[in-house]
Amino acid sequence: MFTITLVLSPERVIVDNEQAIPDEFVSLKSVITPDKKTIATRLKEIRDHNEAVRKRMAAGEDAEAELLEEPSWAHLERGESSIRLK
């Protein structure tokens, strides 16, 4: 034997006009997120540039002043390898 029970769902707020809500009922959020695509692009540019300069230096050219400083606040890292079957 079993019992069937009808349970009312909890009430929820539906905001009809966000512009009319008094300030006391509003919270402000400020979110800063790094643009990882742009950072990755720049890090790759620096890496490729420095590799080219190092090759020129290995060939005997005095180009050490052209090396770009790598930022200390971000770096590139490769994730785990995986096997893909199609």
N, C-alpha and C. Protein backbone atom coordinates (compact mmCIF):
# COMPACT_ATOMS: atom_id res chain seq x y z
N MET A 1 0.83 -1.16 0.00
CA MET A 1 0.00 0.00 0.00
C MET A 1 0.89 1.24 0.00
N PHE A 2 0.42 2.30 -0.60
CA PHE A 2 1.20 3.54 -0.67
C PHE A 2 0.28 4.74 -0.49
N THR A 3 0.89 5.89 -0.23
CA THR A 3 0.14 7.12 0.01
C THR A 3 0.55 8.15 -1.03
N ILE A 4 -0.40 8.85 -1.57
CA ILE A 4 -0.14 9.94 -2.50
C ILE A 4 -0.47 11.24 -1.79
N THR A 5 0.49 12.18 -1.82
CA THR A 5 0.30 13.47 -1.15
C THR A 5 0.58 14.59 -2.14
N LEU A 6 -0.28 15.57 -2.15
CA LEU A 6 -0.07 16.76 -2.98
C LEU A 6 0.61 17.81 -2.12
N VAL A 7 1.79 18.25 -2.55
CA VAL A 7 2.56 19.24 -1.80
C VAL A 7 2.66 20.49 -2.64
N LEU A 8 2.30 21.63 -2.06
CA LEU A 8 2.41 22.90 -2.77
C LEU A 8 3.88 23.31 -2.86
N SER A 9 4.26 23.81 -4.00
CA SER A 9 5.64 24.29 -4.15
C SER A 9 5.79 25.61 -3.41
N PRO A 10 7.01 25.94 -2.99
CA PRO A 10 7.20 27.21 -2.28
C PRO A 10 6.93 28.40 -3.19
N GLU A 11 6.54 29.49 -2.58
CA GLU A 11 6.30 30.71 -3.35
C GLU A 11 7.63 31.24 -3.88
N ARG A 12 7.56 31.90 -5.03
CA ARG A 12 8.76 32.53 -5.57
C ARG A 12 8.41 33.93 -6.02
N VAL A 13 9.40 34.77 -6.04
CA VAL A 13 9.20 36.17 -6.41
C VAL A 13 9.34 36.31 -7.92
N ILE A 14 8.38 36.96 -8.52
CA ILE A 14 8.43 37.30 -9.93
C ILE A 14 8.53 38.82 -9.99
N VAL A 15 9.64 39.34 -10.51
CA VAL A 15 9.82 40.78 -10.60
C VAL A 15 9.25 41.24 -11.93
N ASP A 16 8.26 42.12 -11.85
CA ASP A 16 7.59 42.62 -13.05
C ASP A 16 8.27 43.85 -13.63
N ASN A 17 8.91 44.65 -12.79
CA ASN A 17 9.56 45.87 -13.27
C ASN A 17 10.79 46.14 -12.41
N GLU A 18 11.96 45.73 -12.87
CA GLU A 18 13.19 45.89 -12.10
C GLU A 18 13.51 47.35 -11.81
N GLN A 19 13.14 48.24 -12.71
CA GLN A 19 13.44 49.67 -12.54
C GLN A 19 12.68 50.28 -11.36
N ALA A 20 11.56 49.71 -10.99
CA ALA A 20 10.72 50.27 -9.93
C ALA A 20 11.04 49.72 -8.54
N ILE A 21 11.96 48.79 -8.43
CA ILE A 21 12.28 48.19 -7.14
C ILE A 21 13.03 49.20 -6.27
N PRO A 22 12.59 49.43 -5.03
CA PRO A 22 13.29 50.35 -4.13
C PRO A 22 14.71 49.84 -3.84
N ASP A 23 15.63 50.77 -3.59
CA ASP A 23 17.04 50.44 -3.36
C ASP A 23 17.25 49.43 -2.24
N GLU A 24 16.41 49.46 -1.23
CA GLU A 24 16.58 48.55 -0.10
C GLU A 24 16.40 47.07 -0.49
N PHE A 25 15.80 46.82 -1.65
CA PHE A 25 15.58 45.45 -2.11
C PHE A 25 16.49 45.06 -3.26
N VAL A 26 17.55 45.83 -3.46
CA VAL A 26 18.46 45.59 -4.58
C VAL A 26 19.87 45.38 -4.02
N SER A 27 20.58 44.41 -4.56
CA SER A 27 21.99 44.24 -4.19
C SER A 27 22.83 44.48 -5.45
N LEU A 28 24.00 45.03 -5.25
CA LEU A 28 24.88 45.38 -6.35
C LEU A 28 26.03 44.39 -6.39
N LYS A 29 26.30 43.85 -7.58
CA LYS A 29 27.41 42.93 -7.74
C LYS A 29 28.38 43.52 -8.76
N SER A 30 29.64 43.42 -8.44
CA SER A 30 30.68 43.86 -9.36
C SER A 30 31.62 42.67 -9.55
N VAL A 31 31.73 42.19 -10.77
CA VAL A 31 32.54 41.01 -11.03
C VAL A 31 33.65 41.37 -12.01
N ILE A 32 34.87 41.07 -11.61
CA ILE A 32 36.02 41.27 -12.49
C ILE A 32 36.55 39.88 -12.83
N THR A 33 36.57 39.57 -14.12
CA THR A 33 37.08 38.28 -14.56
C THR A 33 38.16 38.50 -15.61
N PRO A 34 39.25 37.75 -15.52
CA PRO A 34 40.31 37.90 -16.52
C PRO A 34 39.84 37.39 -17.88
N ASP A 35 40.26 38.07 -18.93
CA ASP A 35 39.96 37.65 -20.30
C ASP A 35 41.04 36.66 -20.72
N LYS A 36 40.79 35.38 -20.44
CA LYS A 36 41.81 34.35 -20.63
C LYS A 36 42.21 34.16 -22.09
N LYS A 37 41.29 34.37 -23.02
CA LYS A 37 41.65 34.25 -24.44
C LYS A 37 42.67 35.30 -24.83
N THR A 38 42.44 36.54 -24.40
CA THR A 38 43.37 37.62 -24.72
C THR A 38 44.71 37.40 -24.03
N ILE A 39 44.68 36.94 -22.78
CA ILE A 39 45.91 36.66 -22.05
C ILE A 39 46.69 35.56 -22.74
N ALA A 40 46.00 34.47 -23.15
CA ALA A 40 46.67 33.36 -23.83
C ALA A 40 47.30 33.83 -25.13
N THR A 41 46.59 34.65 -25.88
CA THR A 41 47.13 35.16 -27.14
C THR A 41 48.41 35.94 -26.90
N ARG A 42 48.39 36.81 -25.90
CA ARG A 42 49.58 37.63 -25.61
C ARG A 42 50.73 36.77 -25.10
N LEU A 43 50.45 35.80 -24.25
CA LEU A 43 51.50 34.92 -23.74
C LEU A 43 52.14 34.12 -24.87
N LYS A 44 51.32 33.67 -25.83
CA LYS A 44 51.85 32.93 -26.99
C LYS A 44 52.70 33.84 -27.86
N GLU A 45 52.27 35.09 -28.04
CA GLU A 45 53.05 36.05 -28.82
C GLU A 45 54.42 36.28 -28.18
N ILE A 46 54.44 36.45 -26.87
CA ILE A 46 55.71 36.65 -26.15
C ILE A 46 56.59 35.43 -26.30
N ARG A 47 56.00 34.24 -26.11
CA ARG A 47 56.76 32.99 -26.21
C ARG A 47 57.36 32.83 -27.60
N ASP A 48 56.54 33.04 -28.65
CA ASP A 48 57.02 32.89 -30.02
C ASP A 48 58.10 33.91 -30.35
N HIS A 49 57.90 35.15 -29.91
CA HIS A 49 58.89 36.20 -30.15
C HIS A 49 60.22 35.83 -29.49
N ASN A 50 60.16 35.43 -28.22
CA ASN A 50 61.38 35.09 -27.48
C ASN A 50 62.08 33.88 -28.07
N GLU A 51 61.32 32.90 -28.56
CA GLU A 51 61.94 31.74 -29.21
C GLU A 51 62.70 32.17 -30.46
N ALA A 52 62.12 33.06 -31.25
CA ALA A 52 62.78 33.55 -32.46
C ALA A 52 64.05 34.33 -32.10
N VAL A 53 63.97 35.15 -31.06
CA VAL A 53 65.15 35.92 -30.63
C VAL A 53 66.24 34.98 -30.13
N ARG A 54 65.86 33.96 -29.36
CA ARG A 54 66.85 33.01 -28.84
C ARG A 54 67.53 32.24 -29.98
N LYS A 55 66.79 31.92 -31.04
CA LYS A 55 67.40 31.26 -32.20
C LYS A 55 68.43 32.17 -32.85
N ARG A 56 68.09 33.45 -32.95
CA ARG A 56 69.04 34.41 -33.53
C ARG A 56 70.27 34.55 -32.63
N MET A 57 70.05 34.53 -31.32
CA MET A 57 71.17 34.62 -30.39
C MET A 57 72.05 33.38 -30.49
N ALA A 58 71.43 32.20 -30.67
CA ALA A 58 72.19 30.95 -30.82
C ALA A 58 73.02 30.97 -32.09
N ALA A 59 72.56 31.73 -33.09
CA ALA A 59 73.30 31.84 -34.35
C ALA A 59 74.40 32.89 -34.25
N GLY A 60 74.55 33.51 -33.08
CA GLY A 60 75.63 34.46 -32.87
C GLY A 60 75.23 35.91 -32.90
N GLU A 61 73.98 36.20 -33.13
CA GLU A 61 73.53 37.60 -33.19
C GLU A 61 73.35 38.15 -31.77
N ASP A 62 73.71 39.41 -31.58
CA ASP A 62 73.54 40.07 -30.28
C ASP A 62 72.14 40.67 -30.22
N ALA A 63 71.18 39.90 -29.73
CA ALA A 63 69.78 40.34 -29.73
C ALA A 63 69.13 40.20 -28.36
N GLU A 64 69.93 40.05 -27.33
CA GLU A 64 69.38 39.82 -25.99
C GLU A 64 68.46 40.95 -25.53
N ALA A 65 68.73 42.17 -25.97
CA ALA A 65 67.91 43.32 -25.57
C ALA A 65 66.49 43.23 -26.14
N GLU A 66 66.29 42.40 -27.17
CA GLU A 66 64.98 42.26 -27.80
C GLU A 66 64.06 41.27 -27.09
N LEU A 67 64.60 40.53 -26.12
CA LEU A 67 63.77 39.57 -25.39
C LEU A 67 62.70 40.32 -24.61
N LEU A 68 61.47 39.81 -24.68
CA LEU A 68 60.36 40.41 -23.95
C LEU A 68 60.25 39.74 -22.58
N GLU A 69 59.95 40.53 -21.56
CA GLU A 69 59.79 39.98 -20.22
C GLU A 69 58.48 39.20 -20.14
N GLU A 70 58.57 38.01 -19.59
CA GLU A 70 57.38 37.18 -19.42
C GLU A 70 56.68 37.59 -18.13
N PRO A 71 55.36 37.79 -18.17
CA PRO A 71 54.65 38.27 -16.98
C PRO A 71 54.71 37.24 -15.85
N SER A 72 54.74 37.75 -14.63
CA SER A 72 54.77 36.87 -13.46
C SER A 72 53.37 36.53 -12.98
N TRP A 73 52.36 37.18 -13.52
CA TRP A 73 50.98 37.03 -13.04
C TRP A 73 50.18 36.00 -13.83
N ALA A 74 50.76 35.42 -14.88
CA ALA A 74 50.05 34.38 -15.65
C ALA A 74 51.06 33.55 -16.43
N HIS A 75 50.70 32.32 -16.72
CA HIS A 75 51.55 31.46 -17.55
C HIS A 75 50.65 30.47 -18.29
N LEU A 76 51.21 29.86 -19.33
CA LEU A 76 50.48 28.84 -20.09
C LEU A 76 50.81 27.47 -19.51
N GLU A 77 49.83 26.63 -19.47
CA GLU A 77 50.01 25.28 -18.96
C GLU A 77 49.14 24.34 -19.78
N ARG A 78 49.70 23.24 -20.22
CA ARG A 78 48.93 22.28 -21.00
C ARG A 78 48.22 21.32 -20.06
N GLY A 79 46.97 21.03 -20.34
CA GLY A 79 46.18 20.10 -19.52
C GLY A 79 46.58 18.66 -19.77
N GLU A 80 45.84 17.77 -19.18
CA GLU A 80 46.09 16.34 -19.33
C GLU A 80 45.84 15.90 -20.76
N SER A 81 46.64 14.98 -21.25
CA SER A 81 46.43 14.41 -22.58
C SER A 81 45.26 13.44 -22.54
N SER A 82 44.64 13.26 -23.68
CA SER A 82 43.52 12.33 -23.76
C SER A 82 43.58 11.60 -25.09
N ILE A 83 42.87 10.51 -25.15
CA ILE A 83 42.77 9.73 -26.39
C ILE A 83 41.38 9.95 -26.94
N ARG A 84 41.31 10.27 -28.21
CA ARG A 84 40.02 10.53 -28.84
C ARG A 84 39.80 9.49 -29.94
N LEU A 85 38.68 8.81 -29.89
CA LEU A 85 38.31 7.83 -30.91
C LEU A 85 37.13 8.37 -31.70
N LYS A 86 37.21 8.27 -33.03
CA LYS A 86 36.09 8.73 -33.86
C LYS A 86 35.59 7.59 -34.71
